[in-house]
C-alpha cells in the first residue's frame, strides 16, 4: 500500500515536523499558513528531516511574527564558513491582516499562538500555526479516551474484515 502525500510523517510525505503535544495541550480555534525565512543550511537540514517543534511558540513584535524555540539540527556537511545556530529566532511570512488578528487574539487572556507542523509546499517550507486556548485536565482525559476508542474500533474492524 503506497503512502499518500500529506497524510503522515513517512517517506513521500510533505510533513517535516509535527507538534503532537500542541493538539493534546490546546483547543485549536483557527489556523494559518505562514512561510519561513531560512538560511541555506537550514533548508538542507529540513530536507533530511532534522527539525523539532516541541516547546515552540509564535511571538508578534513590531508588526512581524517570529518563530521561537524551534530546533533545526545542522548537518555535518553544511557550510563550514557559516556559524549554524540551531535554535535561532526565525521570521514568519504572513499578511498584515493575519498578523494583526494573531496579535489581537494573543492579547486576550488564555489565548496563544503555536506552530502545529512544518511541511513542504512545492519547494518552499511552510509552517501551519494556530490560535489556541489551553485545555483543562478533564479535556485532556476526554481526548485520551477518544484516541483509545478510535484505536480499539480500528482493531475490531480489522478482526471483522479478516474473519
N, C-alpha and C. Protein backbone atom coordinates (compact mmCIF):
# COMPACT_ATOMS: atom_id res chain seq x y z
N UNK A 1 0.84 -1.16 0.00
CA UNK A 1 0.00 0.00 0.00
C UNK A 1 0.89 1.23 0.00
N UNK A 2 0.71 2.15 -0.94
CA UNK A 2 1.54 3.35 -1.06
C UNK A 2 1.10 4.42 -0.08
N UNK A 3 2.08 5.16 0.45
CA UNK A 3 1.79 6.26 1.36
C UNK A 3 1.40 7.50 0.55
N UNK A 4 0.21 8.04 0.79
CA UNK A 4 -0.25 9.20 0.04
C UNK A 4 0.44 10.45 0.56
N UNK A 5 0.64 11.42 -0.34
CA UNK A 5 1.30 12.67 0.05
C UNK A 5 0.44 13.44 1.04
N UNK A 6 1.10 14.02 2.07
CA UNK A 6 0.40 14.86 3.02
C UNK A 6 -0.34 14.12 4.10
N UNK A 7 -0.26 12.79 4.13
CA UNK A 7 -1.04 12.02 5.11
C UNK A 7 -0.31 11.82 6.44
N UNK A 8 1.00 11.74 6.42
CA UNK A 8 1.71 11.47 7.66
C UNK A 8 3.16 11.85 7.57
N UNK A 9 3.95 11.32 8.48
CA UNK A 9 5.37 11.68 8.51
C UNK A 9 6.22 10.51 8.03
N UNK A 10 5.89 9.95 6.90
CA UNK A 10 6.65 8.83 6.35
C UNK A 10 7.30 9.22 5.05
N UNK A 11 7.90 8.25 4.36
CA UNK A 11 8.51 8.55 3.06
C UNK A 11 7.45 8.99 2.06
N UNK A 12 7.77 10.00 1.28
CA UNK A 12 6.82 10.52 0.30
C UNK A 12 5.85 11.52 0.89
N UNK A 13 6.02 11.86 2.16
CA UNK A 13 5.14 12.79 2.83
C UNK A 13 5.70 14.20 2.74
N UNK A 14 4.84 15.19 2.77
CA UNK A 14 5.27 16.58 2.75
C UNK A 14 5.59 17.10 4.13
N UNK A 15 5.23 16.38 5.18
CA UNK A 15 5.41 16.85 6.55
C UNK A 15 6.87 16.68 6.98
N UNK A 16 7.43 17.75 7.53
CA UNK A 16 8.81 17.73 8.02
C UNK A 16 8.81 17.45 9.52
N UNK A 17 8.01 18.22 10.27
CA UNK A 17 7.94 18.05 11.73
C UNK A 17 6.53 18.36 12.22
N UNK A 18 6.07 17.58 13.18
CA UNK A 18 4.76 17.77 13.79
C UNK A 18 4.92 18.19 15.24
N UNK A 19 3.99 19.00 15.72
CA UNK A 19 3.93 19.36 17.13
C UNK A 19 2.73 18.62 17.72
N UNK A 20 2.93 17.33 18.03
CA UNK A 20 1.84 16.49 18.53
C UNK A 20 1.33 16.97 19.88
N UNK A 21 2.23 17.51 20.68
CA UNK A 21 1.88 17.98 22.01
C UNK A 21 0.86 19.12 21.95
N UNK A 22 0.92 19.95 20.90
CA UNK A 22 0.02 21.09 20.77
C UNK A 22 -1.43 20.63 20.66
N UNK A 23 -1.68 19.59 19.89
CA UNK A 23 -3.06 19.11 19.74
C UNK A 23 -3.60 18.49 21.03
N UNK A 24 -2.70 17.98 21.86
CA UNK A 24 -3.12 17.39 23.13
C UNK A 24 -3.31 18.47 24.20
N UNK A 25 -2.47 19.50 24.20
CA UNK A 25 -2.49 20.52 25.25
C UNK A 25 -3.48 21.65 25.00
N UNK A 26 -3.88 21.88 23.74
CA UNK A 26 -4.67 23.06 23.42
C UNK A 26 -5.91 22.74 22.58
N UNK A 27 -6.92 23.63 22.69
CA UNK A 27 -8.07 23.63 21.79
C UNK A 27 -7.68 24.54 20.62
N UNK A 28 -7.71 24.02 19.41
CA UNK A 28 -7.32 24.80 18.24
C UNK A 28 -8.54 25.56 17.74
N UNK A 29 -8.42 26.89 17.66
CA UNK A 29 -9.53 27.73 17.24
C UNK A 29 -9.46 28.11 15.77
N UNK A 30 -8.28 28.54 15.33
CA UNK A 30 -8.12 28.98 13.95
C UNK A 30 -6.67 28.73 13.53
N UNK A 31 -6.47 28.28 12.29
CA UNK A 31 -5.11 28.01 11.84
C UNK A 31 -4.76 28.86 10.63
N UNK A 32 -3.45 29.11 10.48
CA UNK A 32 -2.91 29.93 9.41
C UNK A 32 -1.75 29.19 8.76
N UNK A 33 -1.43 29.59 7.53
CA UNK A 33 -0.26 29.06 6.84
C UNK A 33 0.73 30.21 6.67
N UNK A 34 1.97 29.98 7.10
CA UNK A 34 2.99 31.02 7.01
C UNK A 34 4.24 30.46 6.34
N UNK A 35 4.93 31.33 5.63
CA UNK A 35 6.22 30.97 5.07
C UNK A 35 7.30 31.20 6.12
N UNK A 36 8.48 30.64 5.91
CA UNK A 36 9.60 30.79 6.84
C UNK A 36 10.79 31.38 6.12
N UNK A 37 11.50 32.29 6.79
CA UNK A 37 12.75 32.82 6.26
C UNK A 37 13.86 31.93 6.82
N UNK A 38 14.54 31.21 5.93
CA UNK A 38 15.55 30.23 6.34
C UNK A 38 16.88 30.48 5.67
N UNK A 39 17.93 30.01 6.31
CA UNK A 39 19.27 30.01 5.71
C UNK A 39 19.43 28.73 4.89
N UNK A 40 20.44 28.70 4.05
CA UNK A 40 20.66 27.54 3.18
C UNK A 40 20.89 26.25 3.94
N UNK A 41 21.68 26.29 5.01
CA UNK A 41 21.95 25.07 5.78
C UNK A 41 20.69 24.55 6.46
N UNK A 42 19.75 25.46 6.80
CA UNK A 42 18.50 25.04 7.43
C UNK A 42 17.63 24.27 6.45
N UNK A 43 17.61 24.71 5.20
CA UNK A 43 16.81 24.02 4.18
C UNK A 43 17.36 22.61 3.97
N UNK A 44 18.69 22.48 3.93
CA UNK A 44 19.30 21.16 3.77
C UNK A 44 18.95 20.25 4.94
N UNK A 45 18.98 20.79 6.15
CA UNK A 45 18.63 20.00 7.33
C UNK A 45 17.16 19.59 7.31
N UNK A 46 16.30 20.50 6.85
CA UNK A 46 14.87 20.18 6.78
C UNK A 46 14.61 19.09 5.73
N UNK A 47 15.35 19.10 4.64
CA UNK A 47 15.21 18.04 3.64
C UNK A 47 15.58 16.69 4.24
N UNK A 48 16.52 16.70 5.20
CA UNK A 48 16.91 15.47 5.89
C UNK A 48 15.98 15.15 7.06
N UNK A 49 15.01 16.05 7.35
CA UNK A 49 14.04 15.81 8.42
C UNK A 49 14.58 16.06 9.81
N UNK A 50 15.54 16.95 9.96
CA UNK A 50 16.19 17.20 11.25
C UNK A 50 15.60 18.43 11.93
N UNK A 51 14.31 18.41 12.26
CA UNK A 51 13.66 19.55 12.90
C UNK A 51 12.74 19.09 14.02
N UNK A 52 12.58 19.96 15.04
CA UNK A 52 11.67 19.70 16.16
C UNK A 52 10.85 20.94 16.46
N UNK A 53 9.59 20.75 16.81
CA UNK A 53 8.70 21.86 17.15
C UNK A 53 8.21 21.81 18.59
N UNK A 54 8.73 20.92 19.42
CA UNK A 54 8.28 20.86 20.80
C UNK A 54 8.72 22.11 21.54
N UNK A 55 7.87 22.63 22.40
CA UNK A 55 8.12 23.85 23.19
C UNK A 55 8.42 25.05 22.31
N UNK A 56 7.75 25.14 21.18
CA UNK A 56 7.92 26.25 20.25
C UNK A 56 6.68 27.13 20.30
N UNK A 57 6.86 28.43 20.14
CA UNK A 57 5.72 29.33 20.12
C UNK A 57 5.96 30.49 19.16
N UNK A 58 4.90 31.27 18.92
CA UNK A 58 4.94 32.39 17.99
C UNK A 58 4.88 33.68 18.79
N UNK A 59 5.73 34.63 18.44
CA UNK A 59 5.76 35.94 19.08
C UNK A 59 5.53 37.00 18.02
N UNK A 60 4.62 37.93 18.29
CA UNK A 60 4.37 39.04 17.37
C UNK A 60 5.00 40.28 17.98
N UNK A 61 5.95 40.87 17.24
CA UNK A 61 6.69 42.02 17.76
C UNK A 61 6.94 43.00 16.61
N UNK A 62 6.59 44.27 16.81
CA UNK A 62 6.78 45.33 15.81
C UNK A 62 6.13 44.99 14.48
N UNK A 63 4.96 44.39 14.51
CA UNK A 63 4.23 44.07 13.29
C UNK A 63 4.81 42.91 12.50
N UNK A 64 5.68 42.11 13.13
CA UNK A 64 6.25 40.94 12.48
C UNK A 64 6.05 39.72 13.38
N UNK A 65 5.90 38.55 12.76
CA UNK A 65 5.72 37.31 13.51
C UNK A 65 7.03 36.54 13.51
N UNK A 66 7.39 35.97 14.66
CA UNK A 66 8.64 35.24 14.83
C UNK A 66 8.38 33.87 15.42
N UNK A 67 9.14 32.89 14.96
CA UNK A 67 9.07 31.51 15.46
C UNK A 67 10.21 31.33 16.46
N UNK A 68 9.85 31.11 17.73
CA UNK A 68 10.85 30.96 18.80
C UNK A 68 10.88 29.54 19.32
N UNK A 69 12.06 29.05 19.60
CA UNK A 69 12.21 27.74 20.24
C UNK A 69 12.27 26.56 19.31
N UNK A 70 12.13 26.76 18.01
CA UNK A 70 12.22 25.62 17.09
C UNK A 70 13.68 25.19 16.99
N UNK A 71 13.90 23.92 16.77
CA UNK A 71 15.26 23.37 16.76
C UNK A 71 15.50 22.67 15.43
N UNK A 72 16.44 23.21 14.64
CA UNK A 72 16.84 22.59 13.38
C UNK A 72 18.30 22.19 13.53
N UNK A 73 18.55 20.89 13.53
CA UNK A 73 19.89 20.35 13.75
C UNK A 73 20.72 20.57 12.49
N UNK A 74 21.89 21.24 12.60
CA UNK A 74 22.73 21.44 11.42
C UNK A 74 23.39 20.12 10.99
N UNK A 75 23.48 19.94 9.70
CA UNK A 75 24.14 18.75 9.16
C UNK A 75 25.66 18.93 9.25
N UNK A 76 26.38 17.81 9.33
CA UNK A 76 27.85 17.87 9.36
C UNK A 76 28.41 18.39 8.05
N UNK A 77 27.69 18.15 6.97
CA UNK A 77 28.16 18.55 5.64
C UNK A 77 27.74 19.97 5.27
N UNK A 78 27.06 20.67 6.19
CA UNK A 78 26.60 22.02 5.90
C UNK A 78 27.80 22.97 5.80
N UNK A 79 27.51 24.16 5.39
CA UNK A 79 28.55 25.16 5.14
C UNK A 79 29.49 25.33 6.35
N UNK A 80 30.79 25.34 6.09
CA UNK A 80 31.79 25.45 7.15
C UNK A 80 32.11 26.89 7.48
N UNK A 81 31.84 27.82 6.57
CA UNK A 81 32.16 29.22 6.81
C UNK A 81 31.06 29.97 7.56
N UNK A 82 29.94 29.32 7.80
CA UNK A 82 28.81 29.95 8.46
C UNK A 82 28.56 29.27 9.80
N UNK A 83 28.36 30.08 10.85
CA UNK A 83 28.08 29.53 12.17
C UNK A 83 26.60 29.17 12.22
N UNK A 84 26.31 27.90 12.49
CA UNK A 84 24.93 27.40 12.49
C UNK A 84 24.37 27.44 13.91
N UNK A 85 23.34 28.26 14.13
CA UNK A 85 22.65 28.32 15.42
C UNK A 85 21.34 27.54 15.29
N UNK A 86 21.25 26.34 15.91
CA UNK A 86 20.07 25.50 15.72
C UNK A 86 18.78 26.07 16.31
N UNK A 87 18.86 26.96 17.30
CA UNK A 87 17.64 27.47 17.95
C UNK A 87 17.41 28.95 17.68
N UNK A 88 17.92 29.46 16.57
CA UNK A 88 17.76 30.89 16.31
C UNK A 88 16.29 31.24 16.06
N UNK A 89 15.96 32.52 16.27
CA UNK A 89 14.61 33.01 16.02
C UNK A 89 14.42 33.18 14.53
N UNK A 90 13.35 32.60 13.99
CA UNK A 90 13.11 32.64 12.54
C UNK A 90 11.86 33.48 12.25
N UNK A 91 11.95 34.27 11.20
CA UNK A 91 10.84 35.15 10.83
C UNK A 91 9.78 34.37 10.06
N UNK A 92 8.52 34.65 10.38
CA UNK A 92 7.38 34.05 9.67
C UNK A 92 6.82 35.07 8.69
N UNK A 93 6.44 34.61 7.52
CA UNK A 93 5.89 35.47 6.49
C UNK A 93 4.38 35.32 6.44
N UNK A 94 3.68 36.37 6.88
CA UNK A 94 2.22 36.40 6.91
C UNK A 94 1.73 37.73 6.35
N UNK A 95 0.45 37.80 5.98
CA UNK A 95 -0.16 39.05 5.57
C UNK A 95 -0.36 39.93 6.81
N UNK A 96 -0.40 41.24 6.61
CA UNK A 96 -0.55 42.18 7.72
C UNK A 96 -1.85 41.94 8.49
N UNK A 97 -2.92 41.61 7.78
CA UNK A 97 -4.21 41.35 8.44
C UNK A 97 -4.12 40.12 9.35
N UNK A 98 -3.41 39.09 8.88
CA UNK A 98 -3.25 37.88 9.69
C UNK A 98 -2.41 38.17 10.93
N UNK A 99 -1.35 38.95 10.77
CA UNK A 99 -0.51 39.31 11.91
C UNK A 99 -1.31 40.12 12.92
N UNK A 100 -2.11 41.07 12.43
CA UNK A 100 -2.94 41.89 13.31
C UNK A 100 -3.95 41.03 14.07
N UNK A 101 -4.54 40.05 13.38
CA UNK A 101 -5.51 39.16 14.02
C UNK A 101 -4.85 38.31 15.10
N UNK A 102 -3.67 37.75 14.78
CA UNK A 102 -2.93 36.94 15.75
C UNK A 102 -2.55 37.79 16.96
N UNK A 103 -2.06 39.01 16.71
CA UNK A 103 -1.65 39.89 17.80
C UNK A 103 -2.82 40.23 18.72
N UNK A 104 -3.96 40.60 18.13
CA UNK A 104 -5.11 40.98 18.95
C UNK A 104 -5.65 39.79 19.75
N UNK A 105 -5.68 38.61 19.15
CA UNK A 105 -6.20 37.44 19.85
C UNK A 105 -5.26 36.96 20.95
N UNK A 106 -3.93 37.10 20.75
CA UNK A 106 -2.99 36.65 21.79
C UNK A 106 -2.96 37.61 22.96
N UNK A 107 -3.51 38.82 22.79
CA UNK A 107 -3.60 39.75 23.92
C UNK A 107 -4.72 39.36 24.88
N UNK A 108 -5.69 38.58 24.39
CA UNK A 108 -6.79 38.09 25.24
C UNK A 108 -6.24 37.07 26.23
N UNK A 109 -6.85 37.03 27.40
CA UNK A 109 -6.40 36.09 28.44
C UNK A 109 -6.66 34.66 28.00
N UNK A 110 -5.65 33.79 28.14
CA UNK A 110 -5.80 32.37 27.83
C UNK A 110 -5.53 31.99 26.39
N UNK A 111 -5.28 32.96 25.53
CA UNK A 111 -5.01 32.66 24.11
C UNK A 111 -3.52 32.75 23.83
N UNK A 112 -3.05 31.89 22.95
CA UNK A 112 -1.67 31.93 22.49
C UNK A 112 -1.62 31.42 21.05
N UNK A 113 -0.45 31.51 20.46
CA UNK A 113 -0.27 31.05 19.09
C UNK A 113 0.90 30.08 19.05
N UNK A 114 0.66 28.87 18.53
CA UNK A 114 1.69 27.83 18.48
C UNK A 114 1.76 27.24 17.07
N UNK A 115 2.94 26.77 16.67
CA UNK A 115 3.05 26.08 15.38
C UNK A 115 2.56 24.64 15.51
N UNK A 116 1.87 24.15 14.50
CA UNK A 116 1.37 22.77 14.50
C UNK A 116 2.27 21.85 13.70
N UNK A 117 2.76 22.34 12.54
CA UNK A 117 3.64 21.49 11.74
C UNK A 117 4.45 22.33 10.76
N UNK A 118 5.56 21.76 10.33
CA UNK A 118 6.37 22.28 9.23
C UNK A 118 6.19 21.32 8.07
N UNK A 119 6.01 21.84 6.86
CA UNK A 119 5.81 20.96 5.72
C UNK A 119 6.28 21.63 4.44
N UNK A 120 6.46 20.83 3.41
CA UNK A 120 6.86 21.32 2.09
C UNK A 120 5.62 21.64 1.28
N UNK A 121 5.65 22.76 0.59
CA UNK A 121 4.61 23.11 -0.38
C UNK A 121 5.36 23.51 -1.63
N UNK A 122 5.47 22.56 -2.54
CA UNK A 122 6.35 22.76 -3.69
C UNK A 122 7.79 22.67 -3.19
N UNK A 123 8.57 23.71 -3.46
CA UNK A 123 9.94 23.71 -2.97
C UNK A 123 10.13 24.68 -1.80
N UNK A 124 9.03 25.10 -1.20
CA UNK A 124 9.09 26.05 -0.08
C UNK A 124 8.66 25.38 1.22
N UNK A 125 9.21 25.87 2.31
CA UNK A 125 8.85 25.36 3.64
C UNK A 125 7.75 26.24 4.20
N UNK A 126 6.68 25.63 4.64
CA UNK A 126 5.56 26.35 5.24
C UNK A 126 5.39 25.88 6.67
N UNK A 127 4.82 26.76 7.48
CA UNK A 127 4.54 26.46 8.88
C UNK A 127 3.05 26.66 9.11
N UNK A 128 2.38 25.63 9.59
CA UNK A 128 0.98 25.77 9.96
C UNK A 128 0.95 26.19 11.42
N UNK A 129 0.37 27.38 11.69
CA UNK A 129 0.29 27.84 13.06
C UNK A 129 -1.17 28.06 13.41
N UNK A 130 -1.45 28.04 14.72
CA UNK A 130 -2.84 28.11 15.15
C UNK A 130 -3.00 28.99 16.38
N UNK A 131 -4.15 29.66 16.43
CA UNK A 131 -4.55 30.36 17.64
C UNK A 131 -5.22 29.33 18.54
N UNK A 132 -4.76 29.23 19.78
CA UNK A 132 -5.22 28.16 20.66
C UNK A 132 -5.55 28.69 22.05
N UNK A 133 -6.34 27.88 22.78
CA UNK A 133 -6.57 28.10 24.21
C UNK A 133 -6.19 26.80 24.92
N UNK A 134 -5.74 26.92 26.15
CA UNK A 134 -5.30 25.74 26.90
C UNK A 134 -6.46 24.84 27.30
N UNK A 135 -6.19 23.54 27.32
CA UNK A 135 -7.19 22.57 27.76
C UNK A 135 -7.08 22.36 29.26
N UNK A 136 -8.19 22.05 29.87
CA UNK A 136 -8.21 21.67 31.28
C UNK A 136 -7.90 20.18 31.37
N UNK A 137 -7.64 19.69 32.58
CA UNK A 137 -7.26 18.29 32.79
C UNK A 137 -8.35 17.35 32.29
N UNK A 138 -9.63 17.66 32.57
CA UNK A 138 -10.71 16.76 32.13
C UNK A 138 -10.82 16.72 30.61
N UNK A 139 -10.47 17.82 29.92
CA UNK A 139 -10.48 17.83 28.45
C UNK A 139 -9.40 16.90 27.91
N UNK A 140 -8.24 16.91 28.56
CA UNK A 140 -7.13 16.05 28.13
C UNK A 140 -7.50 14.58 28.31
N UNK A 141 -8.19 14.28 29.43
CA UNK A 141 -8.62 12.90 29.67
C UNK A 141 -9.60 12.45 28.60
N UNK A 142 -10.52 13.35 28.23
CA UNK A 142 -11.51 13.02 27.20
C UNK A 142 -10.82 12.77 25.85
N UNK A 143 -9.81 13.57 25.55
CA UNK A 143 -9.06 13.39 24.30
C UNK A 143 -8.38 12.03 24.29
N UNK A 144 -7.77 11.66 25.42
CA UNK A 144 -7.08 10.38 25.52
C UNK A 144 -8.07 9.21 25.40
N UNK A 145 -9.23 9.35 26.03
CA UNK A 145 -10.26 8.31 25.96
C UNK A 145 -10.76 8.15 24.53
N UNK A 146 -10.93 9.26 23.83
CA UNK A 146 -11.36 9.25 22.44
C UNK A 146 -10.34 8.53 21.55
N UNK A 147 -9.06 8.84 21.78
CA UNK A 147 -7.98 8.23 21.00
C UNK A 147 -7.95 6.73 21.23
N UNK A 148 -8.10 6.29 22.50
CA UNK A 148 -8.12 4.86 22.80
C UNK A 148 -9.30 4.16 22.12
N UNK A 149 -10.46 4.81 22.12
CA UNK A 149 -11.64 4.22 21.50
C UNK A 149 -11.44 4.08 19.99
N UNK A 150 -10.85 5.09 19.34
CA UNK A 150 -10.59 5.01 17.91
C UNK A 150 -9.64 3.85 17.59
N UNK A 151 -8.62 3.68 18.42
CA UNK A 151 -7.66 2.59 18.23
C UNK A 151 -8.35 1.23 18.39
N UNK A 152 -9.19 1.12 19.43
CA UNK A 152 -9.90 -0.13 19.69
C UNK A 152 -10.89 -0.43 18.56
N UNK A 153 -11.57 0.59 18.08
CA UNK A 153 -12.53 0.43 16.99
C UNK A 153 -11.81 -0.07 15.73
N UNK A 154 -10.62 0.46 15.46
CA UNK A 154 -9.84 0.01 14.31
C UNK A 154 -9.47 -1.45 14.42
N UNK A 155 -9.10 -1.89 15.63
CA UNK A 155 -8.76 -3.31 15.86
C UNK A 155 -9.97 -4.20 15.61
N UNK A 156 -11.12 -3.79 16.11
CA UNK A 156 -12.34 -4.57 15.95
C UNK A 156 -12.69 -4.70 14.45
N UNK A 157 -12.57 -3.58 13.73
CA UNK A 157 -12.89 -3.60 12.29
C UNK A 157 -11.92 -4.51 11.53
N UNK A 158 -10.65 -4.47 11.88
CA UNK A 158 -9.67 -5.35 11.21
C UNK A 158 -9.99 -6.82 11.47
N UNK A 159 -10.36 -7.15 12.72
CA UNK A 159 -10.70 -8.52 13.06
C UNK A 159 -11.94 -8.98 12.28
N UNK A 160 -12.93 -8.10 12.14
CA UNK A 160 -14.15 -8.43 11.39
C UNK A 160 -13.85 -8.67 9.91
N UNK A 161 -12.95 -7.87 9.35
CA UNK A 161 -12.61 -8.00 7.93
C UNK A 161 -11.81 -9.25 7.64
N UNK A 162 -11.00 -9.70 8.60
CA UNK A 162 -10.20 -10.92 8.41
C UNK A 162 -11.06 -12.18 8.45
N UNK A 163 -11.98 -12.21 9.38
CA UNK A 163 -12.75 -13.43 9.65
C UNK A 163 -13.92 -13.58 8.81
